[in-house]
Amino acid sequence: MSEYVECYENLKAAVVKLAADDYRRALIRLRRHPKDTNALHTKIECELFFRKGIEMYSDMDGEVLIKEIQERVRREHNEQRTVK
């Protein structure tokens, strides 16, 4: 694989990772502050990316990714409630 192709692949992976991180943070924020319009906007934008734009960056299934991130946030939230 050429150096340019590898750099391009790394960039595509970074875009998907950033969207996943942003989505996770937005979900966490919305759990604490359900009316936070910035978090809601980020959530909607990320879901749109996962459903309609991710195929340009990855062969991942966007719906599966959404569900996995939501489940992770749910588990983390439940674990934090258990610890308190």
PDB file of N, CA and C in Angstrom:
ATOM      1  N   MET A   1       0.847  -1.167   0.000  1.00  0.00           N
ATOM      2  CA  MET A   1       0.000   0.000   0.000  1.00  0.00           C
ATOM      3  C   MET A   1       0.897   1.236   0.000  1.00  0.00           C
ATOM      4  N   SER A   2       0.570   2.181  -0.834  1.00  0.00           N
ATOM      5  CA  SER A   2       1.399   3.383  -0.904  1.00  0.00           C
ATOM      6  C   SER A   2       1.213   4.232   0.348  1.00  0.00           C
ATOM      7  N   GLU A   3       2.178   5.077   0.567  1.00  0.00           N
ATOM      8  CA  GLU A   3       2.141   5.963   1.739  1.00  0.00           C
ATOM      9  C   GLU A   3       0.906   6.853   1.710  1.00  0.00           C
ATOM     10  N   TYR A   4       0.509   7.341   0.525  1.00  0.00           N
ATOM     11  CA  TYR A   4      -0.646   8.218   0.410  1.00  0.00           C
ATOM     12  C   TYR A   4      -1.944   7.481   0.702  1.00  0.00           C
ATOM     13  N   VAL A   5      -2.039   6.261   0.228  1.00  0.00           N
ATOM     14  CA  VAL A   5      -3.246   5.471   0.479  1.00  0.00           C
ATOM     15  C   VAL A   5      -3.368   5.187   1.967  1.00  0.00           C
ATOM     16  N   GLU A   6      -2.270   4.851   2.602  1.00  0.00           N
ATOM     17  CA  GLU A   6      -2.289   4.578   4.039  1.00  0.00           C
ATOM     18  C   GLU A   6      -2.699   5.827   4.825  1.00  0.00           C
ATOM     19  N   CYS A   7      -2.190   6.972   4.447  1.00  0.00           N
ATOM     20  CA  CYS A   7      -2.562   8.231   5.110  1.00  0.00           C
ATOM     21  C   CYS A   7      -4.052   8.513   4.923  1.00  0.00           C
ATOM     22  N   TYR A   8      -4.552   8.267   3.717  1.00  0.00           N
ATOM     23  CA  TYR A   8      -5.966   8.477   3.420  1.00  0.00           C
ATOM     24  C   TYR A   8      -6.830   7.541   4.261  1.00  0.00           C
ATOM     25  N   GLU A   9      -6.435   6.301   4.383  1.00  0.00           N
ATOM     26  CA  GLU A   9      -7.186   5.333   5.189  1.00  0.00           C
ATOM     27  C   GLU A   9      -7.171   5.737   6.660  1.00  0.00           C
ATOM     28  N   ASN A  10      -6.039   6.208   7.143  1.00  0.00           N
ATOM     29  CA  ASN A  10      -5.947   6.674   8.526  1.00  0.00           C
ATOM     30  C   ASN A  10      -6.857   7.870   8.762  1.00  0.00           C
ATOM     31  N   LEU A  11      -6.909   8.773   7.802  1.00  0.00           N
ATOM     32  CA  LEU A  11      -7.772   9.946   7.912  1.00  0.00           C
ATOM     33  C   LEU A  11      -9.246   9.532   7.951  1.00  0.00           C
ATOM     34  N   LYS A  12      -9.630   8.607   7.091  1.00  0.00           N
ATOM     35  CA  LYS A  12     -11.017   8.133   7.084  1.00  0.00           C
ATOM     36  C   LYS A  12     -11.382   7.497   8.424  1.00  0.00           C
ATOM     37  N   ALA A  13     -10.480   6.694   8.974  1.00  0.00           N
ATOM     38  CA  ALA A  13     -10.731   6.059  10.267  1.00  0.00           C
ATOM     39  C   ALA A  13     -10.856   7.108  11.371  1.00  0.00           C
ATOM     40  N   ALA A  14     -10.048   8.154  11.294  1.00  0.00           N
ATOM     41  CA  ALA A  14     -10.095   9.219  12.301  1.00  0.00           C
ATOM     42  C   ALA A  14     -11.422   9.977  12.245  1.00  0.00           C
ATOM     43  N   VAL A  15     -11.963  10.170  11.058  1.00  0.00           N
ATOM     44  CA  VAL A  15     -13.251  10.852  10.911  1.00  0.00           C
ATOM     45  C   VAL A  15     -14.349  10.035  11.589  1.00  0.00           C
ATOM     46  N   VAL A  16     -14.369   8.746  11.353  1.00  0.00           N
ATOM     47  CA  VAL A  16     -15.381   7.874  11.959  1.00  0.00           C
ATOM     48  C   VAL A  16     -15.215   7.845  13.473  1.00  0.00           C
ATOM     49  N   LYS A  17     -13.976   7.750  13.950  1.00  0.00           N
ATOM     50  CA  LYS A  17     -13.730   7.720  15.393  1.00  0.00           C
ATOM     51  C   LYS A  17     -14.177   9.019  16.040  1.00  0.00           C
ATOM     52  N   LEU A  18     -13.890  10.146  15.418  1.00  0.00           N
ATOM     53  CA  LEU A  18     -14.304  11.429  15.971  1.00  0.00           C
ATOM     54  C   LEU A  18     -15.825  11.534  16.038  1.00  0.00           C
ATOM     55  N   ALA A  19     -16.512  11.078  15.001  1.00  0.00           N
ATOM     56  CA  ALA A  19     -17.975  11.101  15.007  1.00  0.00           C
ATOM     57  C   ALA A  19     -18.514  10.206  16.122  1.00  0.00           C
ATOM     58  N   ALA A  20     -17.914   9.041  16.313  1.00  0.00           N
ATOM     59  CA  ALA A  20     -18.353   8.128  17.373  1.00  0.00           C
ATOM     60  C   ALA A  20     -18.120   8.753  18.751  1.00  0.00           C
ATOM     61  N   ASP A  21     -16.971   9.391  18.938  1.00  0.00           N
ATOM     62  CA  ASP A  21     -16.679  10.058  20.208  1.00  0.00           C
ATOM     63  C   ASP A  21     -17.643  11.216  20.460  1.00  0.00           C
ATOM     64  N   ASP A  22     -17.908  12.004  19.428  1.00  0.00           N
ATOM     65  CA  ASP A  22     -18.848  13.121  19.558  1.00  0.00           C
ATOM     66  C   ASP A  22     -20.248  12.613  19.900  1.00  0.00           C
ATOM     67  N   TYR A  23     -20.652  11.535  19.249  1.00  0.00           N
ATOM     68  CA  TYR A  23     -21.977  10.960  19.490  1.00  0.00           C
ATOM     69  C   TYR A  23     -22.089  10.466  20.932  1.00  0.00           C
ATOM     70  N   ARG A  24     -21.073   9.775  21.395  1.00  0.00           N
ATOM     71  CA  ARG A  24     -21.067   9.266  22.767  1.00  0.00           C
ATOM     72  C   ARG A  24     -21.163  10.421  23.768  1.00  0.00           C
ATOM     73  N   ARG A  25     -20.361  11.459  23.567  1.00  0.00           N
ATOM     74  CA  ARG A  25     -20.395  12.612  24.473  1.00  0.00           C
ATOM     75  C   ARG A  25     -21.764  13.304  24.446  1.00  0.00           C
ATOM     76  N   ALA A  26     -22.365  13.405  23.274  1.00  0.00           N
ATOM     77  CA  ALA A  26     -23.689  14.028  23.160  1.00  0.00           C
ATOM     78  C   ALA A  26     -24.730  13.200  23.910  1.00  0.00           C
ATOM     79  N   LEU A  27     -24.669  11.889  23.786  1.00  0.00           N
ATOM     80  CA  LEU A  27     -25.623  11.035  24.506  1.00  0.00           C
ATOM     81  C   LEU A  27     -25.462  11.175  26.014  1.00  0.00           C
ATOM     82  N   ILE A  28     -24.233  11.221  26.469  1.00  0.00           N
ATOM     83  CA  ILE A  28     -23.978  11.395  27.908  1.00  0.00           C
ATOM     84  C   ILE A  28     -24.527  12.742  28.369  1.00  0.00           C
ATOM     85  N   ARG A  29     -24.259  13.783  27.607  1.00  0.00           N
ATOM     86  CA  ARG A  29     -24.746  15.120  27.966  1.00  0.00           C
ATOM     87  C   ARG A  29     -26.270  15.141  28.004  1.00  0.00           C
ATOM     88  N   LEU A  30     -26.917  14.486  27.053  1.00  0.00           N
ATOM     89  CA  LEU A  30     -28.376  14.476  27.011  1.00  0.00           C
ATOM     90  C   LEU A  30     -28.982  13.688  28.170  1.00  0.00           C
ATOM     91  N   ARG A  31     -28.279  12.703  28.684  1.00  0.00           N
ATOM     92  CA  ARG A  31     -28.770  11.986  29.864  1.00  0.00           C
ATOM     93  C   ARG A  31     -28.839  12.921  31.059  1.00  0.00           C
ATOM     94  N   ARG A  32     -27.839  13.789  31.162  1.00  0.00           N
ATOM     95  CA  ARG A  32     -27.771  14.718  32.299  1.00  0.00           C
ATOM     96  C   ARG A  32     -28.602  15.979  32.068  1.00  0.00           C
ATOM     97  N   HIS A  33     -28.668  16.404  30.812  1.00  0.00           N
ATOM     98  CA  HIS A  33     -29.348  17.652  30.453  1.00  0.00           C
ATOM     99  C   HIS A  33     -30.177  17.416  29.184  1.00  0.00           C
ATOM    100  N   PRO A  34     -31.352  16.822  29.323  1.00  0.00           N
ATOM    101  CA  PRO A  34     -32.157  16.423  28.154  1.00  0.00           C
ATOM    102  C   PRO A  34     -32.542  17.556  27.206  1.00  0.00           C
ATOM    103  N   LYS A  35     -32.523  18.788  27.682  1.00  0.00           N
ATOM    104  CA  LYS A  35     -32.927  19.913  26.826  1.00  0.00           C
ATOM    105  C   LYS A  35     -31.741  20.664  26.231  1.00  0.00           C
ATOM    106  N   ASP A  36     -30.548  20.109  26.355  1.00  0.00           N
ATOM    107  CA  ASP A  36     -29.346  20.757  25.813  1.00  0.00           C
ATOM    108  C   ASP A  36     -29.413  20.732  24.283  1.00  0.00           C
ATOM    109  N   THR A  37     -29.639  21.891  23.682  1.00  0.00           N
ATOM    110  CA  THR A  37     -29.837  21.940  22.225  1.00  0.00           C
ATOM    111  C   THR A  37     -28.556  21.629  21.458  1.00  0.00           C
ATOM    112  N   ASN A  38     -27.401  22.004  22.007  1.00  0.00           N
ATOM    113  CA  ASN A  38     -26.143  21.692  21.319  1.00  0.00           C
ATOM    114  C   ASN A  38     -25.902  20.186  21.277  1.00  0.00           C
ATOM    115  N   ALA A  39     -26.145  19.521  22.394  1.00  0.00           N
ATOM    116  CA  ALA A  39     -25.971  18.070  22.439  1.00  0.00           C
ATOM    117  C   ALA A  39     -26.977  17.380  21.521  1.00  0.00           C
ATOM    118  N   LEU A  40     -28.203  17.882  21.509  1.00  0.00           N
ATOM    119  CA  LEU A  40     -29.223  17.299  20.629  1.00  0.00           C
ATOM    120  C   LEU A  40     -28.842  17.476  19.167  1.00  0.00           C
ATOM    121  N   HIS A  41     -28.339  18.650  18.826  1.00  0.00           N
ATOM    122  CA  HIS A  41     -27.897  18.902  17.445  1.00  0.00           C
ATOM    123  C   HIS A  41     -26.753  17.951  17.057  1.00  0.00           C
ATOM    124  N   THR A  42     -25.787  17.781  17.966  1.00  0.00           N
ATOM    125  CA  THR A  42     -24.666  16.872  17.701  1.00  0.00           C
ATOM    126  C   THR A  42     -25.165  15.449  17.517  1.00  0.00           C
ATOM    127  N   LYS A  43     -26.083  15.021  18.371  1.00  0.00           N
ATOM    128  CA  LYS A  43     -26.653  13.665  18.265  1.00  0.00           C
ATOM    129  C   LYS A  43     -27.304  13.458  16.900  1.00  0.00           C
ATOM    130  N   ILE A  44     -28.112  14.412  16.487  1.00  0.00           N
ATOM    131  CA  ILE A  44     -28.814  14.302  15.207  1.00  0.00           C
ATOM    132  C   ILE A  44     -27.826  14.287  14.039  1.00  0.00           C
ATOM    133  N   GLU A  45     -26.840  15.182  14.073  1.00  0.00           N
ATOM    134  CA  GLU A  45     -25.842  15.242  13.003  1.00  0.00           C
ATOM    135  C   GLU A  45     -25.040  13.939  12.915  1.00  0.00           C
ATOM    136  N   CYS A  46     -24.647  13.401  14.055  1.00  0.00           N
ATOM    137  CA  CYS A  46     -23.879  12.146  14.052  1.00  0.00           C
ATOM    138  C   CYS A  46     -24.720  10.998  13.518  1.00  0.00           C
ATOM    139  N   GLU A  47     -25.982  10.918  13.948  1.00  0.00           N
ATOM    140  CA  GLU A  47     -26.855   9.854  13.441  1.00  0.00           C
ATOM    141  C   GLU A  47     -27.043   9.973  11.935  1.00  0.00           C
ATOM    142  N   LEU A  48     -27.172  11.183  11.445  1.00  0.00           N
ATOM    143  CA  LEU A  48     -27.276  11.390   9.998  1.00  0.00           C
ATOM    144  C   LEU A  48     -26.012  10.912   9.299  1.00  0.00           C
ATOM    145  N   PHE A  49     -24.852  11.248   9.857  1.00  0.00           N
ATOM    146  CA  PHE A  49     -23.587  10.788   9.287  1.00  0.00           C
ATOM    147  C   PHE A  49     -23.518   9.267   9.292  1.00  0.00           C
ATOM    148  N   PHE A  50     -23.871   8.644  10.407  1.00  0.00           N
ATOM    149  CA  PHE A  50     -23.794   7.185  10.500  1.00  0.00           C
ATOM    150  C   PHE A  50     -24.764   6.508   9.534  1.00  0.00           C
ATOM    151  N   ARG A  51     -25.889   7.120   9.285  1.00  0.00           N
ATOM    152  CA  ARG A  51     -26.899   6.510   8.414  1.00  0.00           C
ATOM    153  C   ARG A  51     -26.673   6.807   6.933  1.00  0.00           C
ATOM    154  N   LYS A  52     -26.102   7.953   6.621  1.00  0.00           N
ATOM    155  CA  LYS A  52     -26.024   8.336   5.209  1.00  0.00           C
ATOM    156  C   LYS A  52     -24.628   8.652   4.699  1.00  0.00           C
ATOM    157  N   GLY A  53     -23.677   8.898   5.579  1.00  0.00           N
ATOM    158  CA  GLY A  53     -22.374   9.332   5.113  1.00  0.00           C
ATOM    159  C   GLY A  53     -21.222   8.393   5.422  1.00  0.00           C
ATOM    160  N   ILE A  54     -21.450   7.466   6.324  1.00  0.00           N
ATOM    161  CA  ILE A  54     -20.344   6.629   6.791  1.00  0.00           C
ATOM    162  C   ILE A  54     -19.769   5.748   5.683  1.00  0.00           C
ATOM    163  N   GLU A  55     -20.584   5.405   4.688  1.00  0.00           N
ATOM    164  CA  GLU A  55     -20.101   4.504   3.636  1.00  0.00           C
ATOM    165  C   GLU A  55     -18.944   5.107   2.838  1.00  0.00           C
ATOM    166  N   MET A  56     -18.776   6.417   2.897  1.00  0.00           N
ATOM    167  CA  MET A  56     -17.637   7.054   2.222  1.00  0.00           C
ATOM    168  C   MET A  56     -16.341   6.851   3.015  1.00  0.00           C
ATOM    169  N   TYR A  57     -16.478   6.518   4.288  1.00  0.00           N
ATOM    170  CA  TYR A  57     -15.325   6.436   5.176  1.00  0.00           C
ATOM    171  C   TYR A  57     -15.030   5.032   5.680  1.00  0.00           C
ATOM    172  N   SER A  58     -16.046   4.176   5.664  1.00  0.00           N
ATOM    173  CA  SER A  58     -15.888   2.863   6.275  1.00  0.00           C
ATOM    174  C   SER A  58     -16.915   1.893   5.698  1.00  0.00           C
ATOM    175  N   ASP A  59     -16.657   0.609   5.892  1.00  0.00           N
ATOM    176  CA  ASP A  59     -17.645  -0.387   5.492  1.00  0.00           C
ATOM    177  C   ASP A  59     -18.495  -0.817   6.685  1.00  0.00           C
ATOM    178  N   MET A  60     -18.409  -0.046   7.778  1.00  0.00           N
ATOM    179  CA  MET A  60     -19.201  -0.341   8.972  1.00  0.00           C
ATOM    180  C   MET A  60     -20.673  -0.064   8.700  1.00  0.00           C
ATOM    181  N   ASP A  61     -21.532  -0.781   9.415  1.00  0.00           N
ATOM    182  CA  ASP A  61     -22.967  -0.545   9.365  1.00  0.00           C
ATOM    183  C   ASP A  61     -23.290   0.559  10.370  1.00  0.00           C
ATOM    184  N   GLY A  62     -23.752   1.696   9.879  1.00  0.00           N
ATOM    185  CA  GLY A  62     -24.023   2.838  10.739  1.00  0.00           C
ATOM    186  C   GLY A  62     -25.071   2.573  11.797  1.00  0.00           C
ATOM    187  N   GLU A  63     -26.113   1.834  11.450  1.00  0.00           N
ATOM    188  CA  GLU A  63     -27.167   1.512  12.427  1.00  0.00           C
ATOM    189  C   GLU A  63     -26.607   0.669  13.566  1.00  0.00           C
ATOM    190  N   VAL A  64     -25.765  -0.282  13.229  1.00  0.00           N
ATOM    191  CA  VAL A  64     -25.147  -1.121  14.255  1.00  0.00           C
ATOM    192  C   VAL A  64     -24.254  -0.264  15.154  1.00  0.00           C
ATOM    193  N   LEU A  65     -23.510   0.626  14.558  1.00  0.00           N
ATOM    194  CA  LEU A  65     -22.634   1.502  15.333  1.00  0.00           C
ATOM    195  C   LEU A  65     -23.443   2.380  16.291  1.00  0.00           C
ATOM    196  N   ILE A  66     -24.539   2.946  15.820  1.00  0.00           N
ATOM    197  CA  ILE A  66     -25.422   3.755  16.669  1.00  0.00           C
ATOM    198  C   ILE A  66     -25.884   2.935  17.863  1.00  0.00           C
ATOM    199  N   LYS A  67     -26.380   1.743  17.612  1.00  0.00           N
ATOM    200  CA  LYS A  67     -26.883   0.894  18.692  1.00  0.00           C
ATOM    201  C   LYS A  67     -25.781   0.506  19.679  1.00  0.00           C
ATOM    202  N   GLU A  68     -24.592   0.216  19.165  1.00  0.00           N
ATOM    203  CA  GLU A  68     -23.477  -0.153  20.043  1.00  0.00           C
ATOM    204  C   GLU A  68     -23.069   1.008  20.947  1.00  0.00           C
ATOM    205  N   ILE A  69     -23.012   2.196  20.398  1.00  0.00           N
ATOM    206  CA  ILE A  69     -22.642   3.363  21.205  1.00  0.00           C
ATOM    207  C   ILE A  69     -23.726   3.656  22.235  1.00  0.00           C
ATOM    208  N   GLN A  70     -24.989   3.582  21.824  1.00  0.00           N
ATOM    209  CA  GLN A  70     -26.085   3.802  22.767  1.00  0.00           C
ATOM    210  C   GLN A  70     -26.041   2.786  23.908  1.00  0.00           C
ATOM    211  N   GLU A  71     -25.783   1.545  23.581  1.00  0.00           N
ATOM    212  CA  GLU A  71     -25.711   0.494  24.603  1.00  0.00           C
ATOM    213  C   GLU A  71     -24.520   0.745  25.538  1.00  0.00           C
ATOM    214  N   ARG A  72     -23.404   1.147  24.998  1.00  0.00           N
ATOM    215  CA  ARG A  72     -22.228   1.435  25.825  1.00  0.00           C
ATOM    216  C   ARG A  72     -22.527   2.562  26.814  1.00  0.00           C
ATOM    217  N   VAL A  73     -23.166   3.626  26.331  1.00  0.00           N
ATOM    218  CA  VAL A  73     -23.514   4.747  27.201  1.00  0.00           C
ATOM    219  C   VAL A  73     -24.502   4.298  28.268  1.00  0.00           C
ATOM    220  N   ARG A  74     -25.468   3.470  27.886  1.00  0.00           N
ATOM    221  CA  ARG A  74     -26.450   2.940  28.841  1.00  0.00           C
ATOM    222  C   ARG A  74     -25.760   2.122  29.933  1.00  0.00           C
ATOM    223  N   ARG A  75     -24.838   1.240  29.524  1.00  0.00           N
ATOM    224  CA  ARG A  75     -24.098   0.417  30.503  1.00  0.00           C
ATOM    225  C   ARG A  75     -23.267   1.280  31.433  1.00  0.00           C
ATOM    226  N   GLU A  76     -22.548   2.252  30.874  1.00  0.00           N
ATOM    227  CA  GLU A  76     -21.721   3.134  31.694  1.00  0.00           C
ATOM    228  C   GLU A  76     -22.579   3.905  32.688  1.00  0.00           C
ATOM    229  N   HIS A  77     -23.737   4.375  32.237  1.00  0.00           N
ATOM    230  CA  HIS A  77     -24.650   5.119  33.112  1.00  0.00           C
ATOM    231  C   HIS A  77     -25.131   4.222  34.259  1.00  0.00           C
ATOM    232  N   ASN A  78     -25.508   3.000  33.926  1.00  0.00           N
ATOM    233  CA  ASN A  78     -25.982   2.063  34.959  1.00  0.00           C
ATOM    234  C   ASN A  78     -24.878   1.695  35.938  1.00  0.00           C
ATOM    235  N   GLU A  79     -23.653   1.544  35.445  1.00  0.00           N
ATOM    236  CA  GLU A  79     -22.524   1.233  36.324  1.00  0.00           C
ATOM    237  C   GLU A  79     -22.260   2.395  37.274  1.00  0.00           C
ATOM    238  N   GLN A  80     -22.352   3.618  36.790  1.00  0.00           N
ATOM    239  CA  GLN A  80     -22.120   4.776  37.644  1.00  0.00           C
ATOM    240  C   GLN A  80     -23.195   4.885  38.711  1.00  0.00           C
ATOM    241  N   ARG A  81     -24.424   4.579  38.353  1.00  0.00           N
ATOM    242  CA  ARG A  81     -25.524   4.624  39.328  1.00  0.00           C
ATOM    243  C   ARG A  81     -25.332   3.549  40.384  1.00  0.00           C
ATOM    244  N   THR A  82     -24.798   2.398  40.003  1.00  0.00           N
ATOM    245  CA  THR A  82     -24.579   1.305  40.939  1.00  0.00           C
ATOM    246  C   THR A  82     -23.475   1.660  41.936  1.00  0.00           C
ATOM    247  N   VAL A  83     -22.447   2.335  41.451  1.00  0.00           N
ATOM    248  CA  VAL A  83     -21.301   2.685  42.307  1.00  0.00           C
ATOM    249  C   VAL A  83     -21.703   3.725  43.353  1.00  0.00           C
ATOM    250  N   LYS A  84     -22.581   4.638  42.988  1.00  0.00           N
ATOM    251  CA  LYS A  84     -22.974   5.711  43.910  1.00  0.00           C
ATOM    252  C   LYS A  84     -23.807   5.214  45.004  1.00  0.00           C
TER     253      LYS A  84
END
